[in-house]
Amino acid sequence: MGKAPAGGKPANDASTDSGPGRSATASACEPYRDFIELSLSKGRNAKAIYQDLVDDQGFAGRYQSVNRFVRHCRGTQTPEARAVILTLGYSRKCIRLLTFQSSTRTWAELHEQAFRPLGGSTKPSCSTTSGKECSSPTFTIPL
């Protein structure tokens, strides 16, 4: 029970085999570096590059290899800042906020933050003629 089969490896030993003809640190994408860098310069993403490699170049590796190689080629990029600039129509008061995230939630939160210093605030309101409570209130901004 405690012995491994003859010629076999114990289950907890790590294998450093990386495939025929490759070192443990070489990427399967290295022979396609020029093609990948050209594709990146055209704005292609890793999935599109992988599909092109398989279809046009006969690439036999996996998508994850291409994804890691693309991340390595791109290096560290500084995130792009996005701005919310809110200007009131009558008083022309203005507020500017920056964020490095882009989502609907972030966009809504930035608008709420922008209205507070200008004297406005968001509050849920509901208008129904039947007097029943709303299931999804709308947000109004009193100015």
Protein backbone atom coordinates (compact mmCIF):
# COMPACT_ATOMS: atom_id res chain seq x y z
CA MET A 1 0.00 0.00 0.00
CA GLY A 2 2.84 2.45 0.77
CA LYS A 3 4.92 1.68 -2.34
CA ALA A 4 4.59 3.24 -5.77
CA PRO A 5 4.43 0.90 -8.76
CA ALA A 6 7.79 0.09 -10.34
CA GLY A 7 8.78 2.75 -12.84
CA GLY A 8 5.93 5.05 -11.74
CA LYS A 9 6.01 8.34 -9.92
CA PRO A 10 4.49 8.92 -6.50
CA ALA A 11 1.30 10.99 -6.67
CA ASN A 12 2.74 13.94 -4.77
CA ASP A 13 5.83 14.40 -6.98
CA ALA A 14 5.52 17.29 -9.41
CA SER A 15 6.42 16.69 -13.01
CA THR A 16 8.36 19.35 -14.87
CA ASP A 17 7.72 17.79 -18.26
CA SER A 18 6.73 20.56 -20.63
CA GLY A 19 6.35 18.62 -23.81
CA PRO A 20 8.80 17.46 -26.46
CA GLY A 21 11.47 19.92 -27.49
CA ARG A 22 10.54 22.63 -24.97
CA SER A 23 12.16 23.71 -21.76
CA ALA A 24 10.10 24.09 -18.59
CA THR A 25 9.91 27.88 -19.05
CA ALA A 26 9.47 28.18 -22.83
CA SER A 27 6.05 29.09 -24.15
CA ALA A 28 4.30 27.20 -26.91
CA CYS A 29 3.57 30.66 -28.38
CA GLU A 30 7.20 31.75 -28.73
CA PRO A 31 7.48 30.62 -32.39
CA TYR A 32 4.43 32.79 -33.15
CA ARG A 33 5.68 35.92 -31.33
CA ASP A 34 5.80 38.10 -34.45
CA PHE A 35 2.26 37.12 -35.47
CA ILE A 36 0.93 37.73 -31.92
CA GLU A 37 2.65 41.12 -31.59
CA LEU A 38 1.32 42.20 -34.99
CA SER A 39 -2.19 41.11 -33.97
CA LEU A 40 -1.89 43.02 -30.68
CA SER A 41 -0.84 46.16 -32.55
CA LYS A 42 -4.05 45.85 -34.58
CA GLY A 43 -6.08 45.80 -31.37
CA ARG A 44 -6.94 42.08 -31.41
CA ASN A 45 -7.68 40.33 -28.11
CA ALA A 46 -6.28 36.99 -26.89
CA LYS A 47 -9.30 34.93 -27.97
CA ALA A 48 -9.23 36.29 -31.52
CA ILE A 49 -5.47 35.76 -31.72
CA TYR A 50 -5.87 32.17 -30.50
CA GLN A 51 -8.54 31.48 -33.11
CA ASP A 52 -6.32 32.94 -35.85
CA LEU A 53 -3.35 30.87 -34.67
CA VAL A 54 -5.36 27.65 -34.75
CA ASP A 55 -7.08 28.36 -38.08
CA ASP A 56 -4.27 29.99 -40.04
CA GLN A 57 -0.99 28.96 -38.39
CA GLY A 58 -1.74 25.37 -37.28
CA PHE A 59 -1.20 26.16 -33.59
CA ALA A 60 -1.71 23.06 -31.42
CA GLY A 61 -1.44 24.73 -28.01
CA ARG A 62 -4.20 25.75 -25.65
CA TYR A 63 -6.00 29.08 -25.28
CA GLN A 64 -4.53 29.62 -21.80
CA SER A 65 -1.02 29.56 -23.29
CA VAL A 66 -1.97 32.31 -25.72
CA ASN A 67 -3.73 34.29 -22.98
CA ARG A 68 -0.65 34.16 -20.70
CA PHE A 69 1.65 35.07 -23.61
CA VAL A 70 -0.55 38.02 -24.60
CA ARG A 71 -0.57 39.30 -21.00
CA HIS A 72 3.21 38.97 -20.93
CA CYS A 73 3.58 40.87 -24.24
CA ARG A 74 1.27 43.68 -23.14
CA GLY A 75 3.13 44.08 -19.86
CA THR A 76 1.72 46.28 -17.17
CA GLN A 77 -0.56 48.94 -18.53
CA THR A 78 -1.67 51.95 -16.59
CA PRO A 79 -5.43 51.86 -16.23
CA GLU A 80 -7.41 54.41 -18.20
CA ALA A 81 -9.12 57.10 -16.14
CA ARG A 82 -12.71 58.05 -16.89
CA ALA A 83 -14.25 61.36 -15.96
CA VAL A 84 -17.74 62.45 -14.97
CA ILE A 85 -18.20 66.17 -15.53
CA LEU A 86 -21.51 67.53 -14.36
CA THR A 87 -22.43 71.16 -15.09
CA LEU A 88 -25.66 72.74 -13.93
CA GLY A 89 -27.49 74.50 -16.72
CA TYR A 90 -28.51 77.73 -14.97
CA SER A 91 -25.77 78.46 -12.44
CA ARG A 92 -23.01 76.76 -14.53
CA LYS A 93 -21.63 75.23 -11.33
CA CYS A 94 -19.44 72.29 -12.26
CA ILE A 95 -18.06 69.18 -10.58
CA ARG A 96 -15.50 66.75 -11.97
CA LEU A 97 -14.93 63.21 -10.70
CA LEU A 98 -12.43 60.60 -11.90
CA THR A 99 -12.62 56.82 -11.74
CA PHE A 100 -10.61 53.88 -13.05
CA GLN A 101 -13.64 51.57 -13.15
CA SER A 102 -16.34 51.46 -15.77
CA SER A 103 -19.68 49.95 -14.89
CA THR A 104 -23.29 51.07 -14.66
CA ARG A 105 -23.12 50.97 -10.87
CA THR A 106 -19.96 53.10 -10.75
CA TRP A 107 -21.50 55.57 -13.21
CA ALA A 108 -24.63 55.94 -11.06
CA GLU A 109 -22.63 56.29 -7.83
CA LEU A 110 -20.47 59.02 -9.37
CA HIS A 111 -23.56 60.94 -10.43
CA GLU A 112 -24.94 60.71 -6.89
CA GLN A 113 -21.60 61.93 -5.51
CA ALA A 114 -21.58 64.81 -8.00
CA PHE A 115 -25.03 66.10 -6.99
CA ARG A 116 -24.33 66.29 -3.24
CA PRO A 117 -21.78 69.17 -3.29
CA LEU A 118 -24.02 71.07 -5.71
CA GLY A 119 -26.90 71.02 -3.22
CA GLY A 120 -28.89 68.18 -4.74
CA SER A 121 -29.41 64.66 -3.55
CA THR A 122 -31.00 61.60 -4.98
CA LYS A 123 -34.02 60.15 -3.26
CA PRO A 124 -36.35 57.41 -4.37
CA SER A 125 -39.80 58.61 -5.29
CA CYS A 126 -42.86 56.91 -6.61
CA SER A 127 -45.97 58.30 -8.20
CA THR A 128 -48.96 56.04 -8.63
CA THR A 129 -52.56 57.06 -9.07
CA SER A 130 -53.87 54.06 -7.15
CA GLY A 131 -51.98 54.90 -3.93
CA LYS A 132 -50.18 51.55 -3.97
CA GLU A 133 -46.50 51.30 -3.21
CA CYS A 134 -44.18 51.15 -6.22
CA SER A 135 -42.27 48.00 -6.99
CA SER A 136 -39.42 49.90 -8.67
CA PRO A 137 -39.08 53.56 -7.65
CA THR A 138 -37.46 56.12 -9.90
CA PHE A 139 -34.85 58.53 -8.65
CA THR A 140 -35.48 62.25 -8.81
CA ILE A 141 -32.98 64.99 -8.23
CA PRO A 142 -34.40 68.09 -6.55
CA LEU A 143 -32.60 71.27 -7.57
